[in-house]
Every structure is written in structure tokens, then in C-alpha cells.
Amino acid sequence: MFYVKLRFFQEKSCSCFFCPVALFSRKKLSLHIFYQQTYEMFFRIGTRGSKLALWQANWVATRLQNAGATVEIITIETKGDKILTKTLAKIGSKGVFTEELEMALREHTIDIAVHSAKDMPSRLEDDLRLIAFSEREEAHDVVVSFNQHFKLEKADSSFLVGTSSTRRVAMLKRFYPAVKTTDARGNLQTRMKKLEGGEYDALILAYAGIKRMGYEARICQTLPLDVFTPAVGQGSIAIECTADLAPEKQDLVRQAINHIPTETCLLAERSFLETLQGGCSVPVFGLATLSAGNITLSAGIVSLDGKNYLKHTQTLPTHEALHLGRQVGEELLGMGADKILAQIKQKINIEA
């Protein structure tokens, strides 16, 4: 809704401002039309209900409110939240943490969905869009323990490390084969309580979640990015909407949330992931970085037992981020990634 505002500017020689004749015959009429929105943009923000997910949703809400919008946060339980008796790989859905949120987007019960970027499937349906990525937190994986002297390289088979990530399990088998692993499902607070109760000696988690939930004091080891390369998108928050969301709303979200350097890196990473047709249940990894007008992507795949490991690094100009992701993916497929993928998918299907 808009309104029109009239301003009248009288000549200094006129002393009869309110006379209708004088108004139009001896005065200059200046019509100024001001288009001003008389409503605030309203966003219904969909999110999972965990404390970490709500932290992310509230962070998004604050940014939108600072940009002049009003918001409502709506919590939605996903398949990954409901099914805690199976590993993520065995649940068998690409959208383990996103499917129900995307359904709500399509039903227009929410306007935008807030996700951890690493949870997003490699390919979206045509009616959905990723329109913003928050500035990436440090992308490292970290080891968390109540024993601050715990180190993976010193651990043996008597130590039990919890993780719900197929990638982390495979990498542990590759780089720390003496370590025994177990599935650790549930939200971050649940896993930390189990850790404190002695069910695990340590957990491996993303640094971003640990920082956002205030558990940094429990970090006993930060794993190097060049060895323990993270999942695609790790450390960033992604905003998803339907393609038909009002353009002015999409623009406001991008202005309030989107961090262009992070977006550029994630375009390359997600392009790579799509080329390999990877997902949450496949131990694929990738991290892009920017420097001096170029983008470098280091990405790869590891077999479930950790024995087969492929990694490729390539650099292109920043504007070729999508092309870089495809090139790295195609290079890895040529190196044998397709065979590793086939073995992984066959094993997951057998065990599901």
C-alpha cells in the first residue's frame, strides 16, 4: 500500500495562501509523490526444534528484524529428528533434515526455511531455491571430551568416539585406524550429556555448532582442514524458499543474510557434490577458499572402511566457481570415485 503526499510551496509575494484563486493563479503548486510502504514485510521462518537449530533461526530472525521485517519462528520436526534408532545412512532419505521443511515451504505455511548448509541435498527440486548463505564460521571438525588430554593419535581400541557422520567414521578409519567408533544420534545437548555420562570418551563435531552452543571449553583437539576436510557447506547457515516467494522478500533476505564470499565458495562445493551425486550418507568432503581473485577447491571421497581415499585440488578464477566444482567432480570420477560411490551405495542399501 502506498500514499500520495501533497506539498504546496507559495511565492513569497503571496499573502493569501488559503484563497483557492490565489492558490492556482498566483502560487506555484508543487506535487511531490512519495511512495512509502505502509506495511512491514512479514516472514514465517521454518526451522527444526533443536537448540542449535533455534539459535540459527533466531540469528536469521534478528538480521531480518534489523532490516525492518517482522518475523515468526515455526518449529517443524523432521525425519532425522524422529528416527534416532538408525544411523543417518540407514534412514535412506536424501532430505533427512530438510524434507518436512520443504513440504511446509510448498504448502506456504512458512516463507523461508533455515538449514545448516551441510544438511542440504546436492540438488533441489525446480520449485525451490537457496537464496542466501551466512558468513561461514570456522569449518573445522573438533574433538570434544571431558578429558582435556584426549588426542586421537594417542587413542587405542579401548577408546570410544561417538559420531553420527558417515564421513567422520570413514576418515577416522583412514587416519586414526586404532580408534573405535559408535553412532551418536540426537541433538547436541543429548550427545553432550551422554559424553558426560561416560557413554563415549569423545565426540567429533563441527566447530560451528560447538561455538554457537557454548561448549568451546570442551574442545580438546582441532582437526586440520587439509587432512580432515569437512563436509560441503559446513559452518554456514542456508536459507531456502520457493521460487514463487515475492521478489522483494527474496531481495531483503539476501541483503540481510547473504555473505557473497561464502556463497561463492558454497557454489563451487555444491556443484562438486552434485557432480558426484553425494549426500549426507556418502563420505564426500569438500572445502573452497578464496584468494587474490581465485577460488581453490579441495574435495574428495573416502570408502566406508577408509582404505580407498581420493582427493583433488584445483584453482580457477572466482567467477568460475560452478565450473570449478564440476571439474573437480569429473576429475575424481575419472580417478575412480564412481566405483567407490557404487560400493558405498550398495553397502548402505544392504544394511538399511
Protein backbone atom coordinates (compact mmCIF):
# COMPACT_ATOMS: atom_id res chain seq x y z
CA MET A 1 0.00 0.00 0.00
CA PHE A 2 1.28 3.46 -0.81
CA TYR A 3 0.18 7.02 -0.11
CA VAL A 4 0.46 10.28 -2.01
CA LYS A 5 1.64 13.34 -0.16
CA LEU A 6 0.99 16.87 -1.44
CA ARG A 7 3.24 19.78 -0.66
CA PHE A 8 2.34 23.36 -1.54
CA PHE A 9 5.05 25.97 -1.95
CA GLN A 10 3.77 29.57 -2.04
CA GLU A 11 5.55 32.52 -3.64
CA LYS A 12 7.00 34.97 -1.16
CA SER A 13 4.85 37.79 -2.63
CA CYS A 14 1.61 35.91 -1.98
CA SER A 15 -0.21 36.72 1.27
CA CYS A 16 -3.37 34.79 0.54
CA PHE A 17 -2.35 31.18 0.92
CA PHE A 18 -5.77 29.71 1.57
CA CYS A 19 -7.57 31.53 -1.27
CA PRO A 20 -8.42 28.96 -3.99
CA VAL A 21 -7.94 31.53 -6.73
CA ALA A 22 -4.61 32.65 -5.37
CA LEU A 23 -3.58 29.06 -4.87
CA PHE A 24 -3.72 28.26 -8.57
CA SER A 25 -3.24 31.66 -10.15
CA ARG A 26 -0.57 33.34 -8.06
CA LYS A 27 1.13 30.38 -6.40
CA LYS A 28 3.27 27.58 -7.64
CA LEU A 29 1.86 24.18 -6.84
CA SER A 30 4.49 21.51 -6.37
CA LEU A 31 3.18 17.96 -6.23
CA HIS A 32 5.58 15.56 -4.57
CA ILE A 33 4.61 11.93 -4.65
CA PHE A 34 6.25 9.82 -2.03
CA TYR A 35 5.91 6.09 -2.36
CA GLN A 36 6.28 4.78 1.11
CA GLN A 37 5.46 1.30 2.26
CA THR A 38 2.84 1.34 4.96
CA TYR A 39 3.41 -2.26 5.89
CA GLU A 40 6.35 -4.23 7.17
CA MET A 41 7.48 -7.39 5.43
CA PHE A 42 6.43 -10.40 7.47
CA PHE A 43 8.37 -13.66 7.41
CA ARG A 44 7.34 -17.03 8.82
CA ILE A 45 10.66 -18.75 9.49
CA GLY A 46 10.69 -22.56 9.49
CA THR A 47 13.28 -24.44 11.49
CA ARG A 48 13.95 -27.68 13.30
CA GLY A 49 13.32 -27.56 17.04
CA SER A 50 16.75 -28.33 18.50
CA LYS A 51 18.55 -25.63 20.49
CA LEU A 52 21.19 -25.29 17.77
CA ALA A 53 18.57 -25.02 15.02
CA LEU A 54 16.67 -22.43 17.05
CA TRP A 55 19.89 -20.48 17.64
CA GLN A 56 20.34 -20.33 13.88
CA ALA A 57 16.71 -19.36 13.27
CA ASN A 58 16.89 -16.61 15.88
CA TRP A 59 20.10 -15.31 14.34
CA VAL A 60 18.30 -15.09 10.98
CA ALA A 61 15.26 -13.50 12.64
CA THR A 62 17.39 -10.81 14.25
CA ARG A 63 19.04 -9.94 10.94
CA LEU A 64 15.65 -9.65 9.24
CA GLN A 65 14.24 -7.55 12.09
CA ASN A 66 17.22 -5.23 11.86
CA ALA A 67 16.36 -4.83 8.17
CA GLY A 68 12.82 -3.75 9.08
CA ALA A 69 10.87 -7.01 8.84
CA THR A 70 8.63 -8.70 11.37
CA VAL A 71 9.05 -12.43 11.94
CA GLU A 72 7.51 -15.54 13.40
CA ILE A 73 9.54 -18.70 14.08
CA ILE A 74 7.77 -22.01 13.40
CA THR A 75 9.36 -25.29 14.53
CA ILE A 76 8.98 -28.40 12.40
CA GLU A 77 10.08 -31.94 13.29
CA THR A 78 11.96 -33.72 10.52
CA LYS A 79 12.55 -37.38 9.78
CA GLY A 80 16.08 -37.07 11.13
CA ASP A 81 14.70 -35.76 14.42
CA LYS A 82 12.11 -38.52 14.77
CA ILE A 83 14.17 -41.59 13.86
CA LEU A 84 17.01 -41.93 16.36
CA THR A 85 17.37 -45.72 16.32
CA LYS A 86 19.04 -45.81 12.88
CA THR A 87 22.15 -44.19 11.51
CA LEU A 88 21.57 -41.33 9.06
CA ALA A 89 22.82 -43.53 6.22
CA LYS A 90 20.26 -46.23 7.02
CA ILE A 91 17.29 -43.86 7.14
CA GLY A 92 17.59 -43.80 3.36
CA SER A 93 16.42 -40.28 2.54
CA LYS A 94 18.49 -37.52 0.94
CA GLY A 95 16.49 -34.89 2.83
CA VAL A 96 16.81 -36.39 6.30
CA PHE A 97 16.76 -32.95 7.95
CA THR A 98 15.10 -30.93 5.20
CA GLU A 99 12.16 -32.81 3.63
CA GLU A 100 9.46 -31.67 6.08
CA LEU A 101 10.67 -28.08 5.96
CA GLU A 102 10.49 -28.14 2.17
CA MET A 103 6.96 -29.53 2.36
CA ALA A 104 5.98 -26.58 4.57
CA LEU A 105 7.53 -24.20 2.04
CA ARG A 106 5.45 -25.74 -0.75
CA GLU A 107 2.30 -25.55 1.37
CA HIS A 108 3.12 -21.89 2.10
CA THR A 109 2.86 -22.37 5.85
CA ILE A 110 6.35 -20.87 6.08
CA ASP A 111 8.11 -18.30 3.88
CA ILE A 112 11.70 -19.37 4.39
CA ALA A 113 13.45 -22.39 5.89
CA VAL A 114 16.66 -22.15 7.90
CA HIS A 115 19.11 -25.03 7.49
CA SER A 116 22.67 -25.94 8.29
CA ALA A 117 24.14 -25.70 4.80
CA LYS A 118 25.87 -29.07 5.22
CA ASP A 119 22.46 -30.78 5.61
CA MET A 120 21.20 -29.67 2.19
CA PRO A 121 20.80 -32.27 -0.59
CA SER A 122 23.13 -31.83 -3.54
CA ARG A 123 20.24 -30.96 -5.86
CA LEU A 124 17.00 -29.10 -5.17
CA GLU A 125 13.72 -29.54 -6.99
CA ASP A 126 12.95 -26.89 -9.61
CA ASP A 127 10.41 -25.11 -7.41
CA LEU A 128 12.90 -24.49 -4.58
CA ARG A 129 15.78 -22.03 -4.21
CA LEU A 130 18.72 -21.44 -1.91
CA ILE A 131 18.79 -17.66 -1.74
CA ALA A 132 21.31 -16.85 0.99
CA PHE A 133 24.26 -18.25 2.93
CA SER A 134 25.52 -16.75 6.16
CA GLU A 135 29.18 -15.92 6.60
CA ARG A 136 30.94 -19.18 7.27
CA GLU A 137 32.15 -19.96 10.75
CA GLU A 138 35.44 -21.87 11.00
CA ALA A 139 34.81 -25.11 9.12
CA HIS A 140 36.97 -27.46 11.22
CA ASP A 141 35.81 -30.64 12.85
CA VAL A 142 36.78 -30.77 16.52
CA VAL A 143 37.20 -33.47 19.14
CA VAL A 144 35.17 -32.81 22.28
CA SER A 145 35.80 -34.57 25.57
CA PHE A 146 35.63 -34.11 29.33
CA ASN A 147 39.21 -35.43 29.30
CA GLN A 148 41.19 -32.45 28.01
CA HIS A 149 44.25 -34.64 27.45
CA PHE A 150 42.42 -36.87 24.95
CA LYS A 151 44.06 -36.95 21.49
CA LEU A 152 43.04 -39.15 18.56
CA GLU A 153 46.62 -40.06 17.68
CA LYS A 154 47.16 -41.40 21.20
CA ALA A 155 43.89 -43.33 21.40
CA ASP A 156 43.65 -47.09 21.03
CA SER A 157 40.76 -49.52 20.60
CA SER A 158 39.78 -49.07 24.24
CA PHE A 159 38.66 -45.53 23.47
CA LEU A 160 35.19 -45.00 22.05
CA VAL A 161 34.48 -41.99 19.83
CA GLY A 162 30.90 -41.03 19.00
CA THR A 163 29.74 -39.50 15.72
CA SER A 164 26.63 -39.65 13.53
CA SER A 165 28.56 -38.74 10.36
CA THR A 166 29.46 -41.38 7.76
CA ARG A 167 32.26 -39.10 6.55
CA ARG A 168 33.81 -38.76 10.01
CA VAL A 169 33.66 -42.52 10.63
CA ALA A 170 35.37 -43.23 7.30
CA MET A 171 38.03 -40.59 7.93
CA LEU A 172 38.71 -41.94 11.41
CA LYS A 173 39.26 -45.37 9.90
CA ARG A 174 41.58 -43.80 7.34
CA PHE A 175 43.71 -41.55 9.57
CA TYR A 176 43.18 -42.99 13.06
CA PRO A 177 42.50 -46.71 12.49
CA ALA A 178 43.06 -47.65 16.13
CA VAL A 179 40.05 -45.60 17.24
CA LYS A 180 36.76 -47.41 17.82
CA THR A 181 33.62 -45.53 16.77
CA THR A 182 29.94 -45.72 17.67
CA ASP A 183 26.86 -43.97 16.33
CA ALA A 184 25.92 -40.86 18.32
CA ARG A 185 22.44 -39.60 17.37
CA GLY A 186 20.31 -36.91 18.97
CA ASN A 187 20.70 -33.18 19.37
CA LEU A 188 23.93 -31.65 20.61
CA GLN A 189 22.80 -31.35 24.24
CA THR A 190 21.73 -35.03 24.30
CA ARG A 191 25.09 -36.13 22.95
CA MET A 192 26.98 -33.95 25.43
CA LYS A 193 25.00 -35.48 28.31
CA LYS A 194 25.87 -38.96 27.05
CA LEU A 195 29.51 -37.91 26.80
CA GLU A 196 29.44 -36.59 30.37
CA GLY A 197 27.78 -39.83 31.48
CA GLY A 198 30.64 -41.90 30.05
CA GLU A 199 28.94 -43.45 27.03
CA TYR A 200 31.78 -42.12 24.87
CA ASP A 201 35.32 -40.99 25.55
CA ALA A 202 34.97 -38.25 22.95
CA LEU A 203 32.73 -36.86 20.23
CA ILE A 204 33.67 -35.45 16.83
CA LEU A 205 31.53 -32.48 15.86
CA ALA A 206 31.56 -29.35 13.73
CA TYR A 207 33.23 -26.40 15.44
CA ALA A 208 30.41 -24.07 14.38
CA GLY A 209 27.78 -25.88 16.45
CA ILE A 210 30.08 -26.21 19.45
CA LYS A 211 30.79 -22.47 19.39
CA ARG A 212 27.14 -21.48 18.93
CA MET A 213 26.07 -23.65 21.87
CA GLY A 214 28.90 -22.51 24.16
CA TYR A 215 30.82 -25.78 24.51
CA GLU A 216 34.19 -24.46 23.35
CA ALA A 217 35.80 -25.27 26.70
CA ARG A 218 35.28 -28.97 25.95
CA ILE A 219 37.31 -28.92 22.73
CA CYS A 220 40.45 -30.97 23.22
CA GLN A 221 41.60 -31.18 19.58
CA THR A 222 41.01 -29.22 16.38
CA LEU A 223 41.39 -31.39 13.29
CA PRO A 224 43.36 -29.88 10.37
CA LEU A 225 41.34 -28.89 7.32
CA ASP A 226 43.86 -30.31 4.85
CA VAL A 227 43.58 -33.79 6.41
CA PHE A 228 40.12 -33.97 8.00
CA THR A 229 38.42 -31.95 5.27
CA PRO A 230 34.84 -31.02 6.31
CA ALA A 231 31.51 -31.69 4.69
CA VAL A 232 30.36 -29.42 1.88
CA GLY A 233 28.80 -26.27 3.36
CA GLN A 234 29.95 -26.92 6.92
CA GLY A 235 29.91 -23.79 9.08
CA SER A 236 27.31 -21.80 7.12
CA ILE A 237 23.56 -21.30 7.53
CA ALA A 238 21.46 -21.69 4.35
CA ILE A 239 18.14 -20.00 3.61
CA GLU A 240 15.70 -21.84 1.35
CA CYS A 241 12.44 -20.64 -0.19
CA THR A 242 10.10 -21.48 -3.04
CA ALA A 243 10.72 -19.96 -6.44
CA ASP A 244 7.47 -18.01 -6.19
CA LEU A 245 8.34 -16.17 -2.96
CA ALA A 246 7.80 -12.45 -3.57
CA PRO A 247 10.93 -10.97 -5.19
CA GLU A 248 11.09 -8.13 -2.65
CA LYS A 249 11.17 -10.70 0.14
CA GLN A 250 13.95 -12.66 -1.56
CA ASP A 251 15.89 -9.42 -2.03
CA LEU A 252 15.53 -8.49 1.64
CA VAL A 253 16.73 -11.92 2.76
CA ARG A 254 19.79 -11.66 0.55
CA GLN A 255 20.58 -8.15 1.74
CA ALA A 256 20.19 -9.10 5.40
CA ILE A 257 21.79 -12.57 5.41
CA ASN A 258 23.87 -13.39 2.35
CA HIS A 259 27.67 -13.30 2.54
CA ILE A 260 28.94 -13.23 -1.03
CA PRO A 261 32.42 -14.76 -0.41
CA THR A 262 30.80 -17.69 1.44
CA GLU A 263 28.15 -18.03 -1.27
CA THR A 264 30.87 -18.22 -3.93
CA CYS A 265 32.68 -20.97 -2.04
CA LEU A 266 29.48 -22.94 -1.48
CA LEU A 267 28.50 -22.67 -5.14
CA ALA A 268 31.74 -24.49 -6.00
CA GLU A 269 31.34 -27.04 -3.22
CA ARG A 270 27.72 -27.81 -4.03
CA SER A 271 28.48 -28.04 -7.74
CA PHE A 272 31.10 -30.66 -6.90
CA LEU A 273 28.65 -32.51 -4.64
CA GLU A 274 26.00 -32.55 -7.35
CA THR A 275 28.50 -33.89 -9.90
CA LEU A 276 29.31 -36.79 -7.57
CA GLN A 277 25.63 -37.16 -6.58
CA GLY A 278 26.72 -37.17 -2.96
CA GLY A 279 24.66 -36.59 0.15
CA CYS A 280 24.59 -36.91 3.95
CA SER A 281 25.01 -40.68 3.80
CA VAL A 282 28.05 -40.63 1.50
CA PRO A 283 31.55 -39.83 2.87
CA VAL A 284 32.24 -36.99 0.44
CA PHE A 285 34.10 -33.88 1.56
CA GLY A 286 34.96 -30.50 0.08
CA LEU A 287 36.18 -27.06 1.07
CA ALA A 288 36.62 -24.00 -1.15
CA THR A 289 38.70 -20.93 -0.27
CA LEU A 290 39.21 -17.54 -1.93
CA SER A 291 42.49 -15.73 -2.55
CA ALA A 292 43.57 -12.91 -4.90
CA GLY A 293 40.64 -13.24 -7.28
CA ASN A 294 40.83 -17.03 -7.43
CA ILE A 295 38.88 -19.87 -5.85
CA THR A 296 40.52 -23.14 -4.80
CA LEU A 297 38.51 -26.30 -4.14
CA SER A 298 39.93 -29.30 -2.31
CA ALA A 299 37.46 -32.17 -2.38
CA GLY A 300 37.26 -35.92 -2.43
CA ILE A 301 35.72 -39.16 -1.27
CA VAL A 302 36.71 -41.95 1.10
CA SER A 303 35.39 -45.51 1.21
CA LEU A 304 33.41 -46.63 4.26
CA ASP A 305 36.34 -48.72 5.53
CA GLY A 306 38.79 -45.86 4.96
CA LYS A 307 41.01 -47.90 2.65
CA ASN A 308 40.23 -46.05 -0.58
CA TYR A 309 40.77 -42.30 -0.50
CA LEU A 310 40.68 -39.88 -3.40
CA LYS A 311 41.27 -36.14 -3.23
CA HIS A 312 41.77 -33.46 -5.86
CA THR A 313 42.60 -29.76 -5.57
CA GLN A 314 42.13 -27.21 -8.33
CA THR A 315 42.09 -23.42 -8.72
CA LEU A 316 40.17 -21.19 -11.15
CA PRO A 317 39.14 -17.52 -11.27
CA THR A 318 36.40 -16.73 -8.75
CA HIS A 319 33.71 -16.17 -11.39
CA GLU A 320 34.11 -19.80 -12.49
CA ALA A 321 33.06 -21.28 -9.14
CA LEU A 322 30.34 -23.52 -10.58
CA HIS A 323 32.65 -24.73 -13.35
CA LEU A 324 35.36 -25.47 -10.78
CA GLY A 325 33.02 -27.71 -8.79
CA ARG A 326 32.07 -29.68 -11.89
CA GLN A 327 35.70 -30.02 -13.00
CA VAL A 328 36.84 -31.33 -9.62
CA GLY A 329 33.92 -33.76 -9.52
CA GLU A 330 34.59 -35.03 -13.03
CA GLU A 331 38.31 -35.39 -12.27
CA LEU A 332 37.53 -37.52 -9.22
CA LEU A 333 35.06 -39.66 -11.15
CA GLY A 334 37.82 -40.28 -13.68
CA MET A 335 40.15 -41.28 -10.84
CA GLY A 336 37.71 -43.97 -9.67
CA ALA A 337 35.25 -42.13 -7.41
CA ASP A 338 32.38 -43.71 -9.35
CA LYS A 339 33.48 -47.18 -8.21
CA ILE A 340 33.79 -46.07 -4.58
CA LEU A 341 30.33 -44.47 -4.77
CA ALA A 342 28.80 -47.65 -6.20
CA GLN A 343 30.32 -49.75 -3.40
CA ILE A 344 29.11 -47.32 -0.73
CA LYS A 345 25.56 -47.19 -2.05
CA GLN A 346 25.41 -50.98 -2.39
CA LYS A 347 26.60 -51.47 1.19
CA ILE A 348 24.18 -48.87 2.58
CA ASN A 349 21.26 -50.47 0.73
CA ILE A 350 22.17 -53.92 2.02
CA GLU A 351 22.39 -52.73 5.64
CA ALA A 352 19.32 -50.46 5.55
